[in-house]
Amino acid sequence: MTVDHIPPKNLFPKPRPDNLFTVPSCYPCNNESSKDDEYFRLNIVLREDTPEHVEGSKLFKAVMRSLTRIQSAGYKKSFLSGIKDLEVFTPHGLYLGEVSTYDVELTRVDKVAARMIKGLYYKERSKRLSDEYKVNTYSMTNLIAKQFHGIVQTLLQLPPNFVGKREVFSYWSMSTKDDPDSSVWLLLFFEATAFIGFITPRKNIFKG
């Protein structure tokens, strides 16, 4: 057994906070998740608004350094191959020029967010999430944000929780009345990037 940081400690610039949280994890699972954590950090930090954040700007420099390491050559090549130019317009149709964008494997980043929710569940309940339950997680794209707008607004009325520095990571959760384990979670990184997740019994298929 090893320990897994929830959220991944690489999201916090050095010197890292001393109140980071860990959960028990078998070595194969923990070791396999490290590359996903690196990918997650890369995509969070390279968002247009993250470098403008005080903590995000510190992490941005670390991410750029990581891409220059020799062992990151293949990873860097894969990332650069996904960069493309995109035309940008104002809401009224005024052309603003082109910006560089990159493709994101949403399934991969959602997988990391789901692992965080399982870890936060352990932190809040002091027990492992039963195999009878599953976690469905969604990146808060414009479509998802619109679809779950009411749930998000309800969660934001609750006091926020956080691990490490609140400016880096905060979260909200709410359980159903009939089943305390069935719950909805909102994760927020650098006060800009959000994910929403649902813990539901496996016998039920969540339709969103």
Protein backbone atom coordinates (compact mmCIF):
# COMPACT_ATOMS: atom_id res chain seq x y z
CA MET A 1 0.00 0.00 0.00
CA THR A 2 1.03 3.58 -0.71
CA VAL A 3 -0.65 6.95 -0.21
CA ASP A 4 -2.26 9.07 -2.91
CA HIS A 5 -2.58 12.85 -2.59
CA ILE A 6 -6.10 14.22 -3.10
CA PRO A 7 -5.99 16.43 -5.07
CA PRO A 8 -2.64 15.60 -6.74
CA LYS A 9 0.13 17.49 -4.98
CA ASN A 10 1.58 18.63 -8.32
CA LEU A 11 -1.28 21.17 -8.50
CA PHE A 12 0.31 23.13 -5.65
CA PRO A 13 3.36 25.34 -6.30
CA LYS A 14 6.36 24.82 -4.05
CA PRO A 15 6.64 25.25 -1.14
CA ARG A 16 3.53 23.11 -0.85
CA PRO A 17 1.01 23.53 1.99
CA ASP A 18 1.43 21.26 4.99
CA ASN A 19 -2.27 20.37 5.16
CA LEU A 20 -2.49 18.27 1.98
CA PHE A 21 -4.59 15.14 2.31
CA THR A 22 -3.72 11.54 1.37
CA VAL A 23 -5.73 8.34 1.03
CA PRO A 24 -4.56 4.71 1.05
CA SER A 25 -3.83 3.40 -2.44
CA CYS A 26 -2.29 0.23 -3.84
CA TYR A 27 1.01 0.81 -5.62
CA PRO A 28 -0.15 -0.23 -9.15
CA CYS A 29 -3.12 2.18 -9.05
CA ASN A 30 -1.06 5.02 -7.60
CA ASN A 31 1.77 4.50 -10.06
CA GLU A 32 -0.54 4.33 -13.09
CA SER A 33 -2.31 7.54 -12.10
CA SER A 34 0.86 9.67 -12.09
CA LYS A 35 0.84 10.26 -15.86
CA ASP A 36 -2.85 11.16 -15.77
CA ASP A 37 -2.14 13.62 -12.95
CA GLU A 38 0.59 15.24 -15.06
CA TYR A 39 -1.78 15.49 -18.02
CA PHE A 40 -4.49 16.93 -15.78
CA ARG A 41 -2.13 19.59 -14.43
CA LEU A 42 -0.94 20.51 -17.91
CA ASN A 43 -4.46 21.10 -19.18
CA ILE A 44 -5.59 22.99 -16.08
CA VAL A 45 -2.56 25.28 -16.06
CA LEU A 46 -2.56 26.05 -19.80
CA ARG A 47 -6.08 27.43 -19.72
CA GLU A 48 -6.14 31.05 -20.78
CA ASP A 49 -7.23 32.31 -17.35
CA THR A 50 -5.01 30.19 -15.07
CA PRO A 51 -1.71 32.07 -15.59
CA GLU A 52 -3.52 35.25 -14.51
CA HIS A 53 -4.17 33.62 -11.12
CA VAL A 54 -1.46 34.26 -8.50
CA GLU A 55 -1.00 30.57 -7.64
CA GLY A 56 -1.59 29.51 -11.24
CA SER A 57 1.21 31.71 -12.52
CA LYS A 58 3.68 29.98 -10.17
CA LEU A 59 2.59 26.57 -11.44
CA PHE A 60 2.71 27.70 -15.06
CA LYS A 61 6.49 28.10 -14.83
CA ALA A 62 6.86 24.62 -13.33
CA VAL A 63 4.78 23.07 -16.11
CA MET A 64 6.88 24.75 -18.79
CA ARG A 65 10.04 23.43 -17.15
CA SER A 66 8.59 19.90 -17.03
CA LEU A 67 8.05 19.96 -20.80
CA THR A 68 11.74 20.66 -21.37
CA ARG A 69 12.94 17.54 -19.52
CA ILE A 70 14.48 14.87 -21.73
CA GLN A 71 12.16 12.18 -20.37
CA SER A 72 9.21 14.34 -21.41
CA ALA A 73 10.16 14.37 -25.11
CA GLY A 74 7.38 11.99 -26.19
CA TYR A 75 4.85 13.70 -23.96
CA LYS A 76 5.82 17.10 -25.35
CA LYS A 77 5.57 15.86 -28.96
CA SER A 78 2.10 14.45 -28.29
CA PHE A 79 0.96 17.71 -26.73
CA LEU A 80 2.36 19.94 -29.49
CA SER A 81 0.69 17.82 -32.17
CA GLY A 82 -2.69 18.79 -30.72
CA ILE A 83 -2.11 22.55 -30.93
CA LYS A 84 -4.00 24.41 -33.63
CA ASP A 85 -5.08 27.96 -34.48
CA LEU A 86 -8.66 29.04 -33.88
CA GLU A 87 -10.48 32.14 -35.09
CA VAL A 88 -12.01 34.18 -32.27
CA PHE A 89 -15.11 36.36 -32.50
CA THR A 90 -16.96 38.55 -30.02
CA PRO A 91 -20.56 37.60 -29.06
CA HIS A 92 -21.66 40.15 -31.69
CA GLY A 93 -19.58 38.57 -34.46
CA LEU A 94 -16.59 40.93 -34.51
CA TYR A 95 -13.45 39.11 -35.61
CA LEU A 96 -10.64 39.35 -33.04
CA GLY A 97 -7.95 37.30 -34.74
CA GLU A 98 -6.50 33.85 -34.13
CA VAL A 99 -5.37 32.19 -30.92
CA SER A 100 -3.54 28.93 -30.29
CA THR A 101 -5.68 26.17 -28.80
CA TYR A 102 -5.10 22.51 -27.98
CA ASP A 103 -7.20 19.37 -27.94
CA VAL A 104 -8.07 18.00 -24.49
CA GLU A 105 -8.90 14.37 -23.78
CA LEU A 106 -11.93 15.11 -21.62
CA THR A 107 -12.33 11.44 -20.72
CA ARG A 108 -8.82 11.45 -19.27
CA VAL A 109 -9.18 14.61 -17.19
CA ASP A 110 -12.65 13.54 -16.03
CA LYS A 111 -11.10 10.27 -14.86
CA VAL A 112 -8.69 12.19 -12.59
CA ALA A 113 -11.56 14.28 -11.23
CA ALA A 114 -13.50 11.09 -10.48
CA ARG A 115 -10.54 9.72 -8.52
CA MET A 116 -10.45 12.93 -6.52
CA ILE A 117 -14.12 12.60 -5.65
CA LYS A 118 -13.54 9.06 -4.38
CA GLY A 119 -10.67 10.39 -2.25
CA LEU A 120 -12.75 13.28 -0.92
CA TYR A 121 -15.53 10.83 -0.11
CA TYR A 122 -12.99 8.89 1.98
CA LYS A 123 -11.91 12.11 3.68
CA GLU A 124 -15.48 13.15 4.50
CA ARG A 125 -16.88 9.74 5.47
CA SER A 126 -13.75 7.98 6.79
CA LYS A 127 -14.55 4.96 4.65
CA ARG A 128 -13.92 3.69 1.14
CA LEU A 129 -16.68 4.17 -1.43
CA SER A 130 -18.49 0.86 -1.88
CA ASP A 131 -18.09 -0.97 -5.18
CA GLU A 132 -21.88 -0.85 -5.40
CA TYR A 133 -21.54 2.83 -6.31
CA LYS A 134 -19.98 4.57 -9.29
CA VAL A 135 -18.74 8.09 -9.99
CA ASN A 136 -19.70 9.99 -13.14
CA THR A 137 -17.69 13.18 -13.62
CA TYR A 138 -18.04 15.94 -16.20
CA SER A 139 -15.79 18.85 -17.16
CA MET A 140 -17.78 22.07 -16.83
CA THR A 141 -17.96 23.00 -20.49
CA ASN A 142 -20.56 25.59 -21.47
CA LEU A 143 -23.05 22.84 -22.32
CA ILE A 144 -22.56 20.97 -19.04
CA ALA A 145 -22.65 24.22 -17.02
CA LYS A 146 -25.98 25.10 -18.62
CA GLN A 147 -27.40 21.63 -18.07
CA PHE A 148 -26.52 21.51 -14.37
CA HIS A 149 -26.89 25.23 -13.64
CA GLY A 150 -29.50 24.73 -10.90
CA ILE A 151 -27.46 22.07 -9.07
CA VAL A 152 -24.30 24.18 -9.24
CA GLN A 153 -26.07 27.24 -7.83
CA THR A 154 -27.46 25.16 -4.95
CA LEU A 155 -23.99 23.80 -4.14
CA LEU A 156 -22.41 27.26 -4.23
CA GLN A 157 -24.80 28.38 -1.49
CA LEU A 158 -23.06 25.93 0.85
CA PRO A 159 -19.80 26.80 2.67
CA PRO A 160 -16.80 25.75 0.55
CA ASN A 161 -14.34 23.07 1.65
CA PHE A 162 -10.73 23.03 0.58
CA VAL A 163 -7.51 21.03 0.72
CA GLY A 164 -4.19 22.86 0.68
CA LYS A 165 -4.75 26.44 -0.39
CA ARG A 166 -8.34 27.46 -1.01
CA GLU A 167 -7.25 29.57 -4.00
CA VAL A 168 -5.88 26.42 -5.66
CA PHE A 169 -8.59 23.89 -4.86
CA SER A 170 -12.01 24.06 -3.22
CA TYR A 171 -15.03 21.80 -3.35
CA TRP A 172 -18.67 21.45 -2.39
CA SER A 173 -20.80 18.34 -1.87
CA MET A 174 -24.41 17.47 -1.13
CA SER A 175 -26.07 14.11 -0.44
CA THR A 176 -29.57 12.95 -1.26
CA LYS A 177 -32.11 12.59 1.56
CA ASP A 178 -32.84 8.93 0.90
CA ASP A 179 -29.24 7.74 0.47
CA PRO A 180 -26.32 9.59 2.14
CA ASP A 181 -23.83 7.89 -0.19
CA SER A 182 -25.58 9.15 -3.32
CA SER A 183 -24.21 12.65 -3.71
CA VAL A 184 -23.17 15.45 -6.04
CA TRP A 185 -19.72 17.10 -5.93
CA LEU A 186 -18.36 20.33 -7.39
CA LEU A 187 -14.57 20.71 -7.75
CA LEU A 188 -12.99 24.09 -8.49
CA PHE A 189 -9.34 24.69 -9.43
CA PHE A 190 -7.66 28.10 -9.41
CA GLU A 191 -11.09 29.69 -9.02
CA ALA A 192 -11.74 29.04 -12.73
CA THR A 193 -11.80 25.38 -13.83
CA ALA A 194 -14.68 23.29 -12.51
CA PHE A 195 -15.89 19.69 -12.62
CA ILE A 196 -19.19 18.27 -11.44
CA GLY A 197 -19.48 14.66 -10.30
CA PHE A 198 -22.24 12.32 -9.20
CA ILE A 199 -21.96 9.29 -6.92
CA THR A 200 -24.84 6.95 -7.73
CA PRO A 201 -25.69 3.26 -7.19
CA ARG A 202 -24.44 1.12 -10.07
CA LYS A 203 -27.91 -0.31 -10.63
CA ASN A 204 -29.04 3.18 -11.66
CA ILE A 205 -27.82 4.70 -14.90
CA PHE A 206 -27.40 8.46 -14.58
CA LYS A 207 -28.83 10.20 -17.59
CA GLY A 208 -27.48 13.72 -18.10
